[in-house]
């Protein structure tokens, strides 16, 4: 019960508000790069995540988790969490979208399957990222 209280506290609300803004920006960049620049699934998502992670780091470090850890140390830990969550989320999202498409919407165009995967990946990433930021990157000293 105590663990759940630590997850579902005011930091979650702040994280989600900052994340909503950051997610909209990230999705806009991702879909623009995917549709207009032709970067493909991995190129579009990776570029968008790198571009928006700097903003997320600054806002979450300062306002969400109020980290007092050194800038360098928290930046490295933040980058590790982002990288791990990105690889896991988007590695799972595409096969999940393909399986779901084959089962419930056979014949769905490949680009639509990938667009569904982009959205699934975002949900997976956000969930894992919150836990990683709260309990690793910006963990309170002694907590």
Protein backbone atom coordinates (compact mmCIF):
# COMPACT_ATOMS: atom_id res chain seq x y z
CA UNK A 1 0.00 0.00 0.00
CA UNK A 2 2.81 2.40 0.86
CA UNK A 3 4.44 1.68 -2.51
CA UNK A 4 1.21 2.57 -4.35
CA UNK A 5 0.97 5.82 -2.39
CA UNK A 6 4.50 6.66 -3.55
CA UNK A 7 3.50 6.02 -7.18
CA UNK A 8 0.16 7.84 -7.10
CA UNK A 9 1.18 11.13 -5.50
CA UNK A 10 1.28 14.74 -6.70
CA UNK A 11 4.41 14.02 -8.76
CA UNK A 12 2.34 11.76 -11.01
CA UNK A 13 -0.05 14.60 -11.80
CA UNK A 14 2.82 16.99 -12.52
CA UNK A 15 4.58 14.34 -14.61
CA UNK A 16 1.43 13.69 -16.62
CA UNK A 17 0.79 17.40 -17.24
CA UNK A 18 4.35 18.01 -18.38
CA UNK A 19 4.24 14.70 -20.22
CA UNK A 20 1.02 15.63 -22.03
CA UNK A 21 2.63 18.77 -23.40
CA UNK A 22 5.81 16.91 -24.22
CA UNK A 23 3.90 13.98 -25.75
CA UNK A 24 1.92 16.22 -28.07
CA UNK A 25 5.14 17.87 -29.20
CA UNK A 26 6.86 14.49 -29.56
CA UNK A 27 3.99 12.95 -31.51
CA UNK A 28 3.84 15.98 -33.79
CA UNK A 29 7.54 15.69 -34.52
CA UNK A 30 7.31 11.89 -34.89
CA UNK A 31 4.44 11.93 -37.36
CA UNK A 32 5.92 14.83 -39.31
CA UNK A 33 9.24 13.02 -39.64
CA UNK A 34 7.51 9.73 -40.45
CA UNK A 35 5.05 11.13 -43.01
CA UNK A 36 6.88 14.09 -44.52
CA UNK A 37 10.56 13.41 -44.01
CA UNK A 38 10.29 9.66 -44.62
CA UNK A 39 12.54 8.76 -41.69
CA UNK A 40 10.63 5.57 -40.92
CA UNK A 41 9.58 4.07 -37.61
CA UNK A 42 12.90 4.08 -35.74
CA UNK A 43 14.30 7.28 -37.26
CA UNK A 44 11.17 9.32 -36.58
CA UNK A 45 10.71 8.13 -33.00
CA UNK A 46 14.39 8.40 -32.06
CA UNK A 47 14.73 11.93 -33.44
CA UNK A 48 11.56 13.10 -31.69
CA UNK A 49 12.63 11.58 -28.37
CA UNK A 50 16.06 13.15 -28.47
CA UNK A 51 14.54 16.54 -29.34
CA UNK A 52 11.91 16.50 -26.59
CA UNK A 53 13.93 14.78 -23.86
CA UNK A 54 15.89 17.93 -23.07
CA UNK A 55 12.68 19.81 -22.27
CA UNK A 56 11.36 16.87 -20.24
CA UNK A 57 14.59 16.67 -18.25
CA UNK A 58 14.55 20.34 -17.28
CA UNK A 59 10.87 20.45 -16.35
CA UNK A 60 10.74 17.13 -14.50
CA UNK A 61 14.01 17.71 -12.65
CA UNK A 62 12.94 21.12 -11.45
CA UNK A 63 9.16 21.03 -11.05
CA UNK A 64 8.00 17.42 -10.84
CA UNK A 65 10.61 15.74 -8.70
CA UNK A 66 12.51 18.78 -7.36
CA UNK A 67 15.80 16.96 -7.61
CA UNK A 68 18.76 18.27 -5.66
CA UNK A 69 21.20 15.80 -7.15
CA UNK A 70 24.02 17.25 -9.24
CA UNK A 71 23.02 18.23 -12.76
CA UNK A 72 25.53 15.86 -14.34
CA UNK A 73 24.51 12.83 -12.25
CA UNK A 74 20.78 13.36 -12.74
CA UNK A 75 21.28 13.98 -16.48
CA UNK A 76 23.12 10.68 -16.92
CA UNK A 77 20.50 8.76 -14.95
CA UNK A 78 17.71 10.51 -16.88
CA UNK A 79 19.34 9.58 -20.20
CA UNK A 80 19.68 5.94 -19.13
CA UNK A 81 15.99 5.78 -18.18
CA UNK A 82 14.93 7.43 -21.44
CA UNK A 83 17.10 5.07 -23.48
CA UNK A 84 15.97 1.90 -21.73
CA UNK A 85 12.30 2.87 -21.80
CA UNK A 86 12.51 3.89 -25.46
CA UNK A 87 14.08 0.61 -26.59
CA UNK A 88 11.70 -1.55 -24.55
CA UNK A 89 8.54 0.40 -25.41
CA UNK A 90 9.09 0.66 -29.14
CA UNK A 91 10.51 -2.86 -29.45
CA UNK A 92 7.29 -4.19 -27.90
CA UNK A 93 4.90 -1.76 -29.60
CA UNK A 94 5.51 -2.77 -33.20
CA UNK A 95 5.04 -6.54 -32.74
CA UNK A 96 1.97 -5.86 -30.56
CA UNK A 97 0.46 -3.61 -33.25
CA UNK A 98 1.24 -6.16 -35.97
CA UNK A 99 -0.34 -9.01 -33.96
CA UNK A 100 -3.42 -6.93 -33.13
CA UNK A 101 -3.75 -5.78 -36.73
CA UNK A 102 -3.53 -9.34 -38.06
CA UNK A 103 -6.08 -10.56 -35.56
CA UNK A 104 -8.66 -7.76 -35.61
CA UNK A 105 -7.97 -5.85 -38.83
CA UNK A 106 -6.39 -8.16 -41.41
CA UNK A 107 -5.18 -6.31 -44.47
CA UNK A 108 -4.44 -3.09 -42.58
CA UNK A 109 -1.82 -1.13 -44.48
CA UNK A 110 1.75 -1.32 -43.12
CA UNK A 111 1.95 2.44 -42.53
CA UNK A 112 -1.25 2.33 -40.47
CA UNK A 113 0.11 -0.58 -38.41
CA UNK A 114 3.23 1.48 -37.75
CA UNK A 115 1.16 4.51 -36.78
CA UNK A 116 -0.77 2.38 -34.28
CA UNK A 117 2.60 1.12 -33.01
CA UNK A 118 3.74 4.72 -32.55
CA UNK A 119 0.77 5.39 -30.27
CA UNK A 120 1.15 2.10 -28.36
CA UNK A 121 4.84 2.83 -27.92
CA UNK A 122 4.03 6.25 -26.47
CA UNK A 123 1.74 4.73 -23.83
CA UNK A 124 4.27 2.05 -22.89
CA UNK A 125 7.10 4.57 -22.82
CA UNK A 126 5.24 7.07 -20.63
CA UNK A 127 4.30 4.44 -18.05
CA UNK A 128 7.80 3.00 -17.73
CA UNK A 129 9.42 6.43 -17.91
CA UNK A 130 7.46 7.79 -14.94
CA UNK A 131 8.53 4.88 -12.76
CA UNK A 132 12.15 5.17 -13.92
CA UNK A 133 12.31 8.92 -13.36
CA UNK A 134 10.62 8.79 -9.96
CA UNK A 135 12.47 5.82 -8.49
CA UNK A 136 15.83 6.08 -10.23
CA UNK A 137 16.73 9.28 -12.05
CA UNK A 138 15.19 11.77 -9.58
CA UNK A 139 14.85 9.55 -6.50
CA UNK A 140 14.69 11.53 -3.29
CA UNK A 141 17.70 11.03 -1.02
CA UNK A 142 16.85 8.51 1.66
CA UNK A 143 13.64 7.52 -0.21
